[in-house]
């Protein structure tokens, strides 16, 4: 199991241990990159994949438990 699935997804709002979903409601084959980026110990996503504002928001949401 991917360790990042244990954390709330900052992209789609999927709760811990739930699969990520697309905007049309279908399940994604794996966690969103943003979810992987905020999971401790997960392989970091290259910085160019996120704007600074999106990265700050993802980290803030993950650390504040939203």
N, C-alpha and C. Protein backbone atom coordinates (compact mmCIF):
# COMPACT_ATOMS: atom_id res chain seq x y z
N UNK A 1 0.85 -1.19 0.00
CA UNK A 1 0.00 0.00 0.00
C UNK A 1 0.89 1.24 0.00
N UNK A 2 0.49 2.23 -0.72
CA UNK A 2 1.22 3.50 -0.78
C UNK A 2 1.02 4.23 0.54
N UNK A 3 2.14 4.66 1.18
CA UNK A 3 2.04 5.35 2.48
C UNK A 3 1.27 6.66 2.39
N UNK A 4 1.27 7.31 1.23
CA UNK A 4 0.59 8.59 1.12
C UNK A 4 -0.93 8.45 1.26
N UNK A 5 -1.46 7.25 1.06
CA UNK A 5 -2.90 7.04 1.17
C UNK A 5 -3.36 7.19 2.62
N UNK A 6 -2.44 7.18 3.56
CA UNK A 6 -2.78 7.30 4.98
C UNK A 6 -3.09 8.75 5.39
N UNK A 7 -2.96 9.68 4.46
CA UNK A 7 -3.15 11.10 4.73
C UNK A 7 -4.27 11.66 3.87
N UNK A 8 -4.94 12.69 4.36
CA UNK A 8 -6.00 13.34 3.59
C UNK A 8 -5.40 13.97 2.34
N UNK A 9 -6.06 13.82 1.22
CA UNK A 9 -5.57 14.36 -0.04
C UNK A 9 -5.89 15.86 -0.13
N UNK A 10 -4.86 16.71 -0.33
CA UNK A 10 -5.11 18.14 -0.46
C UNK A 10 -5.71 18.52 -1.81
N UNK A 11 -5.71 17.61 -2.75
CA UNK A 11 -6.22 17.88 -4.09
C UNK A 11 -7.72 17.60 -4.18
N UNK A 12 -8.14 16.40 -3.79
CA UNK A 12 -9.56 16.03 -3.95
C UNK A 12 -10.30 15.91 -2.62
N UNK A 13 -9.57 15.99 -1.52
CA UNK A 13 -10.20 15.91 -0.21
C UNK A 13 -10.50 14.50 0.27
N UNK A 14 -9.95 13.49 -0.42
CA UNK A 14 -10.17 12.10 0.01
C UNK A 14 -9.62 11.92 1.42
N UNK A 15 -10.39 11.26 2.25
CA UNK A 15 -9.98 11.03 3.64
C UNK A 15 -8.89 9.96 3.72
N UNK A 16 -8.17 9.91 4.84
CA UNK A 16 -7.14 8.88 4.99
C UNK A 16 -7.69 7.48 4.70
N UNK A 17 -6.91 6.70 4.01
CA UNK A 17 -7.22 5.33 3.59
C UNK A 17 -8.33 5.22 2.55
N UNK A 18 -8.80 6.34 2.01
CA UNK A 18 -9.75 6.32 0.90
C UNK A 18 -9.01 6.67 -0.39
N UNK A 19 -9.47 6.13 -1.50
CA UNK A 19 -8.84 6.40 -2.79
C UNK A 19 -9.12 7.84 -3.24
N UNK A 20 -8.20 8.40 -4.02
CA UNK A 20 -8.41 9.72 -4.61
C UNK A 20 -9.44 9.61 -5.73
N UNK A 21 -10.15 10.71 -5.96
CA UNK A 21 -11.17 10.73 -7.00
C UNK A 21 -10.93 11.89 -7.97
N UNK A 22 -11.36 11.69 -9.20
CA UNK A 22 -11.27 12.74 -10.21
C UNK A 22 -12.47 13.68 -10.05
N UNK A 23 -12.45 14.78 -10.77
CA UNK A 23 -13.56 15.74 -10.70
C UNK A 23 -14.87 15.15 -11.19
N UNK A 24 -14.80 14.12 -12.04
CA UNK A 24 -16.03 13.48 -12.52
C UNK A 24 -16.52 12.37 -11.58
N UNK A 25 -15.81 12.18 -10.46
CA UNK A 25 -16.24 11.20 -9.46
C UNK A 25 -15.64 9.82 -9.59
N UNK A 26 -14.88 9.55 -10.65
CA UNK A 26 -14.26 8.24 -10.81
C UNK A 26 -12.99 8.16 -9.98
N UNK A 27 -12.65 6.96 -9.56
CA UNK A 27 -11.45 6.76 -8.76
C UNK A 27 -10.20 6.88 -9.62
N UNK A 28 -9.14 7.42 -9.04
CA UNK A 28 -7.86 7.48 -9.73
C UNK A 28 -7.11 6.17 -9.50
N UNK A 29 -6.19 5.79 -10.38
CA UNK A 29 -5.47 4.53 -10.20
C UNK A 29 -4.49 4.58 -9.02
N UNK A 30 -4.18 5.76 -8.55
CA UNK A 30 -3.28 5.93 -7.41
C UNK A 30 -3.50 7.29 -6.80
N UNK A 31 -2.78 7.59 -5.72
CA UNK A 31 -2.94 8.89 -5.06
C UNK A 31 -2.50 10.05 -5.96
N UNK A 32 -3.12 11.22 -5.77
CA UNK A 32 -2.69 12.42 -6.48
C UNK A 32 -1.26 12.77 -6.09
N UNK A 33 -0.55 13.47 -6.96
CA UNK A 33 0.82 13.88 -6.66
C UNK A 33 0.90 14.77 -5.43
N UNK A 34 -0.09 15.63 -5.25
CA UNK A 34 -0.11 16.51 -4.09
C UNK A 34 -0.20 15.73 -2.78
N UNK A 35 -0.92 14.62 -2.81
CA UNK A 35 -1.04 13.76 -1.63
C UNK A 35 0.30 13.10 -1.33
N UNK A 36 0.97 12.67 -2.38
CA UNK A 36 2.29 12.06 -2.19
C UNK A 36 3.30 13.09 -1.68
N UNK A 37 3.16 14.34 -2.10
CA UNK A 37 4.11 15.38 -1.72
C UNK A 37 4.03 15.73 -0.24
N UNK A 38 2.86 15.62 0.37
CA UNK A 38 2.71 16.00 1.77
C UNK A 38 2.87 14.82 2.73
N UNK A 39 2.95 13.60 2.20
CA UNK A 39 3.10 12.43 3.05
C UNK A 39 4.55 12.31 3.54
N UNK A 40 4.77 12.27 4.85
CA UNK A 40 6.14 12.13 5.37
C UNK A 40 6.78 10.85 4.86
N UNK A 41 8.01 10.96 4.42
CA UNK A 41 8.74 9.81 3.94
C UNK A 41 8.42 9.40 2.52
N UNK A 42 7.47 10.06 1.89
CA UNK A 42 7.13 9.73 0.50
C UNK A 42 8.18 10.36 -0.41
N UNK A 43 8.37 9.78 -1.56
CA UNK A 43 9.31 10.32 -2.52
C UNK A 43 8.83 11.71 -2.96
N UNK A 44 9.69 12.72 -2.85
CA UNK A 44 9.23 14.07 -3.20
C UNK A 44 8.93 14.22 -4.69
N UNK A 45 7.95 15.05 -4.97
CA UNK A 45 7.58 15.35 -6.35
C UNK A 45 8.44 16.53 -6.80
N UNK A 46 8.96 16.51 -8.03
CA UNK A 46 9.76 17.64 -8.49
C UNK A 46 9.03 18.96 -8.33
N UNK A 47 9.75 19.97 -7.90
CA UNK A 47 9.15 21.26 -7.58
C UNK A 47 8.39 21.88 -8.75
N UNK A 48 8.84 21.66 -9.96
CA UNK A 48 8.19 22.28 -11.11
C UNK A 48 6.77 21.77 -11.34
N UNK A 49 6.37 20.71 -10.64
CA UNK A 49 5.01 20.18 -10.79
C UNK A 49 3.96 21.01 -10.05
N UNK A 50 4.39 21.92 -9.18
CA UNK A 50 3.46 22.72 -8.40
C UNK A 50 3.87 24.19 -8.42
N UNK A 51 2.90 25.06 -8.40
CA UNK A 51 3.20 26.47 -8.17
C UNK A 51 3.51 26.61 -6.69
N UNK A 52 4.18 27.67 -6.31
CA UNK A 52 4.51 27.88 -4.91
C UNK A 52 3.24 28.01 -4.07
N UNK A 53 2.24 28.68 -4.59
CA UNK A 53 0.99 28.86 -3.84
C UNK A 53 0.30 27.52 -3.61
N UNK A 54 0.26 26.67 -4.63
CA UNK A 54 -0.39 25.37 -4.49
C UNK A 54 0.36 24.50 -3.50
N UNK A 55 1.68 24.56 -3.53
CA UNK A 55 2.48 23.77 -2.60
C UNK A 55 2.25 24.23 -1.17
N UNK A 56 2.26 25.56 -0.96
CA UNK A 56 2.01 26.09 0.39
C UNK A 56 0.64 25.66 0.90
N UNK A 57 -0.36 25.74 0.04
CA UNK A 57 -1.72 25.37 0.44
C UNK A 57 -1.80 23.88 0.77
N UNK A 58 -1.17 23.03 -0.02
CA UNK A 58 -1.19 21.59 0.22
C UNK A 58 -0.52 21.26 1.55
N UNK A 59 0.61 21.87 1.81
CA UNK A 59 1.33 21.61 3.07
C UNK A 59 0.53 22.14 4.25
N UNK A 60 -0.04 23.34 4.11
CA UNK A 60 -0.83 23.93 5.20
C UNK A 60 -2.04 23.05 5.52
N UNK A 61 -2.75 22.61 4.49
CA UNK A 61 -3.93 21.77 4.72
C UNK A 61 -3.56 20.44 5.37
N UNK A 62 -2.45 19.87 4.95
CA UNK A 62 -2.03 18.58 5.52
C UNK A 62 -1.58 18.72 6.97
N UNK A 63 -0.92 19.80 7.29
CA UNK A 63 -0.42 19.97 8.64
C UNK A 63 -1.49 20.48 9.61
N UNK A 64 -2.50 21.15 9.09
CA UNK A 64 -3.58 21.64 9.94
C UNK A 64 -4.72 20.63 10.06
N UNK A 65 -4.61 19.52 9.34
CA UNK A 65 -5.62 18.46 9.44
C UNK A 65 -6.94 18.78 8.78
N UNK A 66 -6.93 19.63 7.76
CA UNK A 66 -8.19 19.99 7.08
C UNK A 66 -8.54 18.96 6.06
